[in-house]
Amino acid sequence: MTDFPSGDGHPKCPECKGRGVIDYKPPGAIVPGALACKCVKLRDYRLNMERGWRGLSKYKPVKRSPLADQVEENLRITSSEKTLRRHLARVALGQAPRWPFFVFSDADLMDAWLSRVDVEEILDPDIGQLRRTAVSGRFGALVDLVDPPALLILRMGVKAARNVAMPEVFLEALQHRSMIDKPTWVVDTPAYVLKDGHIAYDFRVGEYLSEWPHIDLGTGQAKEVDVTVSPTSSNGGVRRMTLSQVREGSE
């Protein structure tokens, strides 16, 4: 225990005593080695959760989540924020400690899309206010937000003020992710479903998302949903699709 008198572990950890590593001697080995302590791994997971979505590490993970084995798939998800955070905490703990995921909102998408417009020329009140309080302008272009993460999670409905370009910006983000072959999760809420009347929805968005599996975290399973595609479609504007079932989650 004297080889590593100090380290980056938790000072009150009963296993490593703050060293960050524990001794480990594989069977048959002459010289013992060291393994990262659980307290260090937990810290790394928490830091990564905070990078992906600030405040996520404060939430108690659910025991099981239907999202856990879907990180390489496109999904539509309906969930409250609290429930989404608990499920995403479980997903993050099942990935590598530095798993590159990010959660952004429709307001973030519009902010990135308007990044090259002078603040005085921005007519969108949501984005104008963000820029004036110096908490936005993080991205030089929409692609800077959309491209990097292994999994991009978009929370739709955070933006309050209408912007006629919102559906087009949203669709551009989805199509870019498809072009680079990276998965996206699109999240709406039970009170503000992504359909006609939603600030980020038009018939092109509906058509694009019409074949994506949908998971309602209120029930923990996929279900049949009505997707409005076009007011002039032959079936009266509604397409019904049966979605493949996923295993039920549990709180």
C-alpha atoms as a PDB file:
ATOM      1  CA  MET A   1       0.000   0.000   0.000  1.00  0.00           C
ATOM      2  CA  THR A   2       2.978   2.349   0.190  1.00  0.00           C
ATOM      3  CA  ASP A   3       3.736   2.274  -3.553  1.00  0.00           C
ATOM      4  CA  PHE A   4       0.898   4.754  -4.204  1.00  0.00           C
ATOM      5  CA  PRO A   5       0.806   7.032  -1.138  1.00  0.00           C
ATOM      6  CA  SER A   6      -1.593   9.450  -2.840  1.00  0.00           C
ATOM      7  CA  GLY A   7      -3.758   9.505  -5.925  1.00  0.00           C
ATOM      8  CA  ASP A   8      -6.977  10.691  -7.509  1.00  0.00           C
ATOM      9  CA  GLY A   9      -9.358   8.357  -5.674  1.00  0.00           C
ATOM     10  CA  HIS A  10     -11.939   9.402  -3.112  1.00  0.00           C
ATOM     11  CA  PRO A  11     -10.067  10.081   0.149  1.00  0.00           C
ATOM     12  CA  LYS A  12     -12.716   8.198   2.151  1.00  0.00           C
ATOM     13  CA  CYS A  13     -12.888   5.170  -0.148  1.00  0.00           C
ATOM     14  CA  PRO A  14     -12.475   2.038   2.029  1.00  0.00           C
ATOM     15  CA  GLU A  15     -10.884   0.073  -0.812  1.00  0.00           C
ATOM     16  CA  CYS A  16      -8.186   2.360  -2.229  1.00  0.00           C
ATOM     17  CA  LYS A  17      -7.862   4.885   0.626  1.00  0.00           C
ATOM     18  CA  GLY A  18      -7.684   7.669  -1.949  1.00  0.00           C
ATOM     19  CA  ARG A  19      -4.987   6.114  -4.149  1.00  0.00           C
ATOM     20  CA  GLY A  20      -7.417   5.559  -7.033  1.00  0.00           C
ATOM     21  CA  VAL A  21      -6.082   2.041  -7.658  1.00  0.00           C
ATOM     22  CA  ILE A  22      -6.195  -1.297  -5.903  1.00  0.00           C
ATOM     23  CA  ASP A  23      -3.556  -4.011  -5.988  1.00  0.00           C
ATOM     24  CA  TYR A  24      -4.220  -6.887  -8.338  1.00  0.00           C
ATOM     25  CA  LYS A  25      -2.167 -10.006  -8.968  1.00  0.00           C
ATOM     26  CA  PRO A  26      -3.394 -12.164 -11.865  1.00  0.00           C
ATOM     27  CA  PRO A  27      -3.111 -15.933 -11.390  1.00  0.00           C
ATOM     28  CA  GLY A  28       0.428 -17.049 -12.191  1.00  0.00           C
ATOM     29  CA  ALA A  29       1.850 -13.543 -12.232  1.00  0.00           C
ATOM     30  CA  ILE A  30       5.055 -12.811 -10.314  1.00  0.00           C
ATOM     31  CA  VAL A  31       4.729  -9.038 -10.124  1.00  0.00           C
ATOM     32  CA  PRO A  32       1.407  -7.613  -8.906  1.00  0.00           C
ATOM     33  CA  GLY A  33      -0.312  -4.932 -10.904  1.00  0.00           C
ATOM     34  CA  ALA A  34      -3.019  -2.394 -10.177  1.00  0.00           C
ATOM     35  CA  LEU A  35      -6.616  -1.810 -11.201  1.00  0.00           C
ATOM     36  CA  ALA A  36      -8.609   1.399 -11.179  1.00  0.00           C
ATOM     37  CA  CYS A  37     -10.738   1.549  -8.063  1.00  0.00           C
ATOM     38  CA  LYS A  38     -14.532   1.598  -8.259  1.00  0.00           C
ATOM     39  CA  CYS A  39     -14.581   5.090  -6.755  1.00  0.00           C
ATOM     40  CA  VAL A  40     -12.555   6.409  -9.700  1.00  0.00           C
ATOM     41  CA  LYS A  41     -14.785   4.660 -12.212  1.00  0.00           C
ATOM     42  CA  LEU A  42     -17.886   6.101 -10.538  1.00  0.00           C
ATOM     43  CA  ARG A  43     -16.363   9.585 -10.621  1.00  0.00           C
ATOM     44  CA  ASP A  44     -15.596   9.221 -14.335  1.00  0.00           C
ATOM     45  CA  TYR A  45     -19.165   8.093 -15.031  1.00  0.00           C
ATOM     46  CA  ARG A  46     -20.557  11.079 -13.134  1.00  0.00           C
ATOM     47  CA  LEU A  47     -18.309  13.523 -14.961  1.00  0.00           C
ATOM     48  CA  ASN A  48     -19.357  12.067 -18.293  1.00  0.00           C
ATOM     49  CA  MET A  49     -23.035  12.297 -17.385  1.00  0.00           C
ATOM     50  CA  GLU A  50     -22.570  15.976 -16.575  1.00  0.00           C
ATOM     51  CA  ARG A  51     -20.778  16.571 -19.885  1.00  0.00           C
ATOM     52  CA  GLY A  52     -23.621  14.936 -21.772  1.00  0.00           C
ATOM     53  CA  TRP A  53     -26.475  16.607 -19.882  1.00  0.00           C
ATOM     54  CA  ARG A  54     -25.892  18.898 -16.931  1.00  0.00           C
ATOM     55  CA  GLY A  55     -27.552  17.585 -13.768  1.00  0.00           C
ATOM     56  CA  LEU A  56     -27.948  14.017 -15.047  1.00  0.00           C
ATOM     57  CA  SER A  57     -25.715  12.449 -12.368  1.00  0.00           C
ATOM     58  CA  LYS A  58     -28.111  13.643  -9.636  1.00  0.00           C
ATOM     59  CA  TYR A  59     -30.863  11.295 -10.793  1.00  0.00           C
ATOM     60  CA  LYS A  60     -31.345   7.764  -9.513  1.00  0.00           C
ATOM     61  CA  PRO A  61     -31.112   5.331 -12.450  1.00  0.00           C
ATOM     62  CA  VAL A  62     -34.015   2.987 -13.139  1.00  0.00           C
ATOM     63  CA  LYS A  63     -33.249  -0.696 -12.627  1.00  0.00           C
ATOM     64  CA  ARG A  64     -33.806  -1.540 -16.294  1.00  0.00           C
ATOM     65  CA  SER A  65     -34.472   0.585 -19.350  1.00  0.00           C
ATOM     66  CA  PRO A  66     -35.766  -0.309 -22.824  1.00  0.00           C
ATOM     67  CA  LEU A  67     -33.301   2.293 -24.123  1.00  0.00           C
ATOM     68  CA  ALA A  68     -30.241   0.417 -22.876  1.00  0.00           C
ATOM     69  CA  ASP A  69     -29.723  -1.710 -25.970  1.00  0.00           C
ATOM     70  CA  GLN A  70     -30.834   0.962 -28.455  1.00  0.00           C
ATOM     71  CA  VAL A  71     -27.827   3.317 -28.393  1.00  0.00           C
ATOM     72  CA  GLU A  72     -26.945   2.555 -32.016  1.00  0.00           C
ATOM     73  CA  GLU A  73     -30.515   2.982 -33.297  1.00  0.00           C
ATOM     74  CA  ASN A  74     -32.694   5.940 -34.257  1.00  0.00           C
ATOM     75  CA  LEU A  75     -35.605   6.308 -31.832  1.00  0.00           C
ATOM     76  CA  ARG A  76     -38.610   8.458 -31.112  1.00  0.00           C
ATOM     77  CA  ILE A  77     -39.189   8.719 -27.368  1.00  0.00           C
ATOM     78  CA  THR A  78     -42.068  10.181 -25.388  1.00  0.00           C
ATOM     79  CA  SER A  79     -41.189  11.006 -21.801  1.00  0.00           C
ATOM     80  CA  SER A  80     -41.245  13.567 -19.046  1.00  0.00           C
ATOM     81  CA  GLU A  81     -37.865  15.139 -18.303  1.00  0.00           C
ATOM     82  CA  LYS A  82     -37.451  13.384 -14.940  1.00  0.00           C
ATOM     83  CA  THR A  83     -38.246   9.957 -16.371  1.00  0.00           C
ATOM     84  CA  LEU A  84     -35.948  10.526 -19.341  1.00  0.00           C
ATOM     85  CA  ARG A  85     -33.090  11.486 -17.014  1.00  0.00           C
ATOM     86  CA  ARG A  86     -33.532   8.348 -14.890  1.00  0.00           C
ATOM     87  CA  HIS A  87     -33.535   6.109 -17.957  1.00  0.00           C
ATOM     88  CA  LEU A  88     -30.596   7.921 -19.538  1.00  0.00           C
ATOM     89  CA  ALA A  89     -28.618   7.596 -16.299  1.00  0.00           C
ATOM     90  CA  ARG A  90     -29.078   3.816 -16.535  1.00  0.00           C
ATOM     91  CA  VAL A  91     -28.026   3.838 -20.201  1.00  0.00           C
ATOM     92  CA  ALA A  92     -24.892   5.890 -19.463  1.00  0.00           C
ATOM     93  CA  LEU A  93     -23.810   3.536 -16.660  1.00  0.00           C
ATOM     94  CA  GLY A  94     -23.947   0.654 -19.117  1.00  0.00           C
ATOM     95  CA  GLN A  95     -21.592   2.317 -21.595  1.00  0.00           C
ATOM     96  CA  ALA A  96     -17.906   3.208 -21.420  1.00  0.00           C
ATOM     97  CA  PRO A  97     -17.083   5.909 -18.824  1.00  0.00           C
ATOM     98  CA  ARG A  98     -16.317   8.416 -21.602  1.00  0.00           C
ATOM     99  CA  TRP A  99     -19.228   7.480 -23.880  1.00  0.00           C
ATOM    100  CA  PRO A 100     -19.737  10.541 -26.151  1.00  0.00           C
ATOM    101  CA  PHE A 101     -23.450  11.397 -25.944  1.00  0.00           C
ATOM    102  CA  PHE A 102     -25.036  14.842 -25.787  1.00  0.00           C
ATOM    103  CA  VAL A 103     -28.543  16.100 -25.047  1.00  0.00           C
ATOM    104  CA  PHE A 104     -29.642  19.267 -26.823  1.00  0.00           C
ATOM    105  CA  SER A 105     -32.975  21.004 -27.316  1.00  0.00           C
ATOM    106  CA  ASP A 106     -34.775  22.490 -30.285  1.00  0.00           C
ATOM    107  CA  ALA A 107     -33.717  25.891 -28.924  1.00  0.00           C
ATOM    108  CA  ASP A 108     -30.078  24.776 -29.145  1.00  0.00           C
ATOM    109  CA  LEU A 109     -30.619  23.728 -32.768  1.00  0.00           C
ATOM    110  CA  MET A 110     -32.017  27.126 -33.692  1.00  0.00           C
ATOM    111  CA  ASP A 111     -29.257  28.906 -31.776  1.00  0.00           C
ATOM    112  CA  ALA A 112     -26.591  26.982 -33.706  1.00  0.00           C
ATOM    113  CA  TRP A 113     -28.384  27.592 -37.019  1.00  0.00           C
ATOM    114  CA  LEU A 114     -28.458  31.351 -36.330  1.00  0.00           C
ATOM    115  CA  SER A 115     -24.877  31.404 -35.056  1.00  0.00           C
ATOM    116  CA  ARG A 116     -23.576  33.554 -37.904  1.00  0.00           C
ATOM    117  CA  VAL A 117     -26.321  36.158 -37.616  1.00  0.00           C
ATOM    118  CA  ASP A 118     -25.588  39.346 -35.662  1.00  0.00           C
ATOM    119  CA  VAL A 119     -27.571  39.493 -32.417  1.00  0.00           C
ATOM    120  CA  GLU A 120     -29.263  42.749 -33.436  1.00  0.00           C
ATOM    121  CA  GLU A 121     -30.588  41.090 -36.593  1.00  0.00           C
ATOM    122  CA  ILE A 122     -32.095  38.059 -34.843  1.00  0.00           C
ATOM    123  CA  LEU A 123     -35.882  38.267 -34.782  1.00  0.00           C
ATOM    124  CA  ASP A 124     -36.348  35.090 -32.729  1.00  0.00           C
ATOM    125  CA  PRO A 125     -37.006  36.269 -29.122  1.00  0.00           C
ATOM    126  CA  ASP A 126     -35.763  33.028 -27.537  1.00  0.00           C
ATOM    127  CA  ILE A 127     -32.400  33.187 -29.277  1.00  0.00           C
ATOM    128  CA  GLY A 128     -32.052  36.950 -29.003  1.00  0.00           C
ATOM    129  CA  GLN A 129     -32.459  36.748 -25.234  1.00  0.00           C
ATOM    130  CA  LEU A 130     -29.939  33.922 -24.969  1.00  0.00           C
ATOM    131  CA  ARG A 131     -27.363  35.858 -26.969  1.00  0.00           C
ATOM    132  CA  ARG A 132     -27.832  39.015 -24.916  1.00  0.00           C
ATOM    133  CA  THR A 133     -27.244  37.102 -21.689  1.00  0.00           C
ATOM    134  CA  ALA A 134     -24.092  35.546 -23.177  1.00  0.00           C
ATOM    135  CA  VAL A 135     -25.154  31.962 -22.488  1.00  0.00           C
ATOM    136  CA  SER A 136     -25.397  30.910 -26.106  1.00  0.00           C
ATOM    137  CA  GLY A 137     -23.405  31.171 -29.301  1.00  0.00           C
ATOM    138  CA  ARG A 138     -21.524  28.010 -28.307  1.00  0.00           C
ATOM    139  CA  PHE A 139     -21.523  26.673 -31.852  1.00  0.00           C
ATOM    140  CA  GLY A 140     -20.178  28.218 -35.031  1.00  0.00           C
ATOM    141  CA  ALA A 141     -22.704  26.384 -37.201  1.00  0.00           C
ATOM    142  CA  LEU A 142     -25.469  23.791 -36.928  1.00  0.00           C
ATOM    143  CA  VAL A 143     -23.085  21.029 -37.988  1.00  0.00           C
ATOM    144  CA  ASP A 144     -20.867  21.796 -34.965  1.00  0.00           C
ATOM    145  CA  LEU A 145     -23.719  20.737 -32.686  1.00  0.00           C
ATOM    146  CA  VAL A 146     -25.066  17.867 -34.777  1.00  0.00           C
ATOM    147  CA  ASP A 147     -21.907  16.103 -35.933  1.00  0.00           C
ATOM    148  CA  PRO A 148     -19.717  15.171 -32.901  1.00  0.00           C
ATOM    149  CA  PRO A 149     -21.647  12.903 -30.500  1.00  0.00           C
ATOM    150  CA  ALA A 150     -21.878   9.146 -30.981  1.00  0.00           C
ATOM    151  CA  LEU A 151     -25.504   9.536 -29.848  1.00  0.00           C
ATOM    152  CA  LEU A 152     -27.376  12.812 -30.260  1.00  0.00           C
ATOM    153  CA  ILE A 153     -30.502  13.215 -28.122  1.00  0.00           C
ATOM    154  CA  LEU A 154     -32.837  16.047 -29.136  1.00  0.00           C
ATOM    155  CA  ARG A 155     -35.475  17.257 -26.681  1.00  0.00           C
ATOM    156  CA  MET A 156     -38.219  18.873 -28.716  1.00  0.00           C
ATOM    157  CA  GLY A 157     -40.584  21.439 -27.226  1.00  0.00           C
ATOM    158  CA  VAL A 158     -38.121  23.329 -25.034  1.00  0.00           C
ATOM    159  CA  LYS A 159     -38.278  26.282 -27.419  1.00  0.00           C
ATOM    160  CA  ALA A 160     -41.341  28.437 -26.701  1.00  0.00           C
ATOM    161  CA  ALA A 161     -41.316  31.174 -29.352  1.00  0.00           C
ATOM    162  CA  ARG A 162     -42.328  30.154 -32.843  1.00  0.00           C
ATOM    163  CA  ASN A 163     -39.865  30.337 -35.713  1.00  0.00           C
ATOM    164  CA  VAL A 164     -41.032  29.361 -39.196  1.00  0.00           C
ATOM    165  CA  ALA A 165     -37.644  27.767 -39.928  1.00  0.00           C
ATOM    166  CA  MET A 166     -37.739  25.412 -36.912  1.00  0.00           C
ATOM    167  CA  PRO A 167     -39.064  22.320 -38.785  1.00  0.00           C
ATOM    168  CA  GLU A 168     -36.507  22.840 -41.564  1.00  0.00           C
ATOM    169  CA  VAL A 169     -33.637  23.212 -39.090  1.00  0.00           C
ATOM    170  CA  PHE A 170     -34.791  20.101 -37.216  1.00  0.00           C
ATOM    171  CA  LEU A 171     -35.054  18.092 -40.439  1.00  0.00           C
ATOM    172  CA  GLU A 172     -31.616  19.286 -41.568  1.00  0.00           C
ATOM    173  CA  ALA A 173     -30.136  18.031 -38.291  1.00  0.00           C
ATOM    174  CA  LEU A 174     -31.807  14.628 -38.698  1.00  0.00           C
ATOM    175  CA  GLN A 175     -30.701  14.269 -42.307  1.00  0.00           C
ATOM    176  CA  HIS A 176     -27.114  15.216 -41.482  1.00  0.00           C
ATOM    177  CA  ARG A 177     -26.968  12.562 -38.773  1.00  0.00           C
ATOM    178  CA  SER A 178     -28.216  10.036 -41.300  1.00  0.00           C
ATOM    179  CA  MET A 179     -25.548  11.110 -43.802  1.00  0.00           C
ATOM    180  CA  ILE A 180     -22.760  10.440 -41.294  1.00  0.00           C
ATOM    181  CA  ASP A 181     -24.439   7.205 -40.121  1.00  0.00           C
ATOM    182  CA  LYS A 182     -24.869   8.197 -36.480  1.00  0.00           C
ATOM    183  CA  PRO A 183     -27.980   7.509 -34.381  1.00  0.00           C
ATOM    184  CA  THR A 184     -30.362  10.144 -33.044  1.00  0.00           C
ATOM    185  CA  TRP A 185     -33.032  10.003 -30.354  1.00  0.00           C
ATOM    186  CA  VAL A 186     -35.899  12.477 -30.737  1.00  0.00           C
ATOM    187  CA  VAL A 187     -37.779  13.137 -27.505  1.00  0.00           C
ATOM    188  CA  ASP A 188     -41.157  14.767 -27.033  1.00  0.00           C
ATOM    189  CA  THR A 189     -43.406  14.893 -23.956  1.00  0.00           C
ATOM    190  CA  PRO A 190     -46.863  13.448 -23.261  1.00  0.00           C
ATOM    191  CA  ALA A 191     -48.216  16.998 -23.002  1.00  0.00           C
ATOM    192  CA  TYR A 192     -46.586  18.237 -26.216  1.00  0.00           C
ATOM    193  CA  VAL A 193     -46.391  15.434 -28.755  1.00  0.00           C
ATOM    194  CA  LEU A 194     -44.415  15.896 -31.965  1.00  0.00           C
ATOM    195  CA  LYS A 195     -47.305  16.198 -34.424  1.00  0.00           C
ATOM    196  CA  ASP A 196     -49.399  18.913 -36.087  1.00  0.00           C
ATOM    197  CA  GLY A 197     -49.308  22.013 -33.898  1.00  0.00           C
ATOM    198  CA  HIS A 198     -45.828  21.317 -32.498  1.00  0.00           C
ATOM    199  CA  ILE A 199     -43.352  24.125 -33.067  1.00  0.00           C
ATOM    200  CA  ALA A 200     -40.839  21.795 -34.751  1.00  0.00           C
ATOM    201  CA  TYR A 201     -43.270  19.726 -36.833  1.00  0.00           C
ATOM    202  CA  ASP A 202     -44.351  19.791 -40.456  1.00  0.00           C
ATOM    203  CA  PHE A 203     -45.399  17.026 -42.867  1.00  0.00           C
ATOM    204  CA  ARG A 204     -41.808  16.506 -44.032  1.00  0.00           C
ATOM    205  CA  VAL A 205     -40.660  15.869 -40.459  1.00  0.00           C
ATOM    206  CA  GLY A 206     -43.581  13.479 -39.999  1.00  0.00           C
ATOM    207  CA  GLU A 207     -42.709  11.614 -43.177  1.00  0.00           C
ATOM    208  CA  TYR A 208     -39.034  11.378 -42.203  1.00  0.00           C
ATOM    209  CA  LEU A 209     -39.792  10.002 -38.731  1.00  0.00           C
ATOM    210  CA  SER A 210     -42.684   7.763 -39.785  1.00  0.00           C
ATOM    211  CA  GLU A 211     -40.631   4.545 -39.755  1.00  0.00           C
ATOM    212  CA  TRP A 212     -38.629   5.231 -36.606  1.00  0.00           C
ATOM    213  CA  PRO A 213     -39.436   2.968 -33.634  1.00  0.00           C
ATOM    214  CA  HIS A 214     -41.274   4.800 -30.867  1.00  0.00           C
ATOM    215  CA  ILE A 215     -40.881   4.153 -27.130  1.00  0.00           C
ATOM    216  CA  ASP A 216     -43.201   5.685 -24.558  1.00  0.00           C
ATOM    217  CA  LEU A 217     -41.317   5.676 -21.260  1.00  0.00           C
ATOM    218  CA  GLY A 218     -44.605   6.104 -19.443  1.00  0.00           C
ATOM    219  CA  THR A 219     -45.385   2.491 -20.390  1.00  0.00           C
ATOM    220  CA  GLY A 220     -41.846   1.270 -21.079  1.00  0.00           C
ATOM    221  CA  GLN A 221     -42.718  -0.187 -24.450  1.00  0.00           C
ATOM    222  CA  ALA A 222     -43.301   0.610 -28.079  1.00  0.00           C
ATOM    223  CA  LYS A 223     -46.865   1.120 -29.214  1.00  0.00           C
ATOM    224  CA  GLU A 224     -48.996   1.929 -32.215  1.00  0.00           C
ATOM    225  CA  VAL A 225     -49.025   5.660 -32.859  1.00  0.00           C
ATOM    226  CA  ASP A 226     -50.778   7.943 -35.299  1.00  0.00           C
ATOM    227  CA  VAL A 227     -48.356  10.037 -37.318  1.00  0.00           C
ATOM    228  CA  THR A 228     -49.767  12.997 -39.206  1.00  0.00           C
ATOM    229  CA  VAL A 229     -48.037  13.191 -42.571  1.00  0.00           C
ATOM    230  CA  SER A 230     -49.980  15.548 -44.805  1.00  0.00           C
ATOM    231  CA  PRO A 231     -53.440  17.152 -44.751  1.00  0.00           C
ATOM    232  CA  THR A 232     -53.918  16.055 -48.363  1.00  0.00           C
ATOM    233  CA  SER A 233     -52.882  12.400 -48.010  1.00  0.00           C
ATOM    234  CA  SER A 234     -55.268   9.771 -49.342  1.00  0.00           C
ATOM    235  CA  ASN A 235     -56.087   8.373 -45.899  1.00  0.00           C
ATOM    236  CA  GLY A 236     -57.232  11.700 -44.495  1.00  0.00           C
ATOM    237  CA  GLY A 237     -53.883  12.882 -43.201  1.00  0.00           C
ATOM    238  CA  VAL A 238     -53.046  10.039 -40.831  1.00  0.00           C
ATOM    239  CA  ARG A 239     -50.750   7.081 -41.314  1.00  0.00           C
ATOM    240  CA  ARG A 240     -51.003   4.234 -38.825  1.00  0.00           C
ATOM    241  CA  MET A 241     -47.939   2.096 -38.346  1.00  0.00           C
ATOM    242  CA  THR A 242     -47.247  -0.910 -36.136  1.00  0.00           C
ATOM    243  CA  LEU A 243     -43.901  -0.665 -34.420  1.00  0.00           C
ATOM    244  CA  SER A 244     -41.687  -3.543 -33.318  1.00  0.00           C
ATOM    245  CA  GLN A 245     -41.932  -4.285 -29.611  1.00  0.00           C
ATOM    246  CA  VAL A 246     -39.024  -3.707 -27.266  1.00  0.00           C
ATOM    247  CA  ARG A 247     -38.579  -5.295 -23.898  1.00  0.00           C
ATOM    248  CA  GLU A 248     -40.431  -3.615 -21.062  1.00  0.00           C
ATOM    249  CA  GLY A 249     -38.512  -1.323 -18.719  1.00  0.00           C
ATOM    250  CA  SER A 250     -39.001  -1.013 -15.007  1.00  0.00           C
ATOM    251  CA  GLU A 251     -38.805   1.814 -12.525  1.00  0.00           C
END
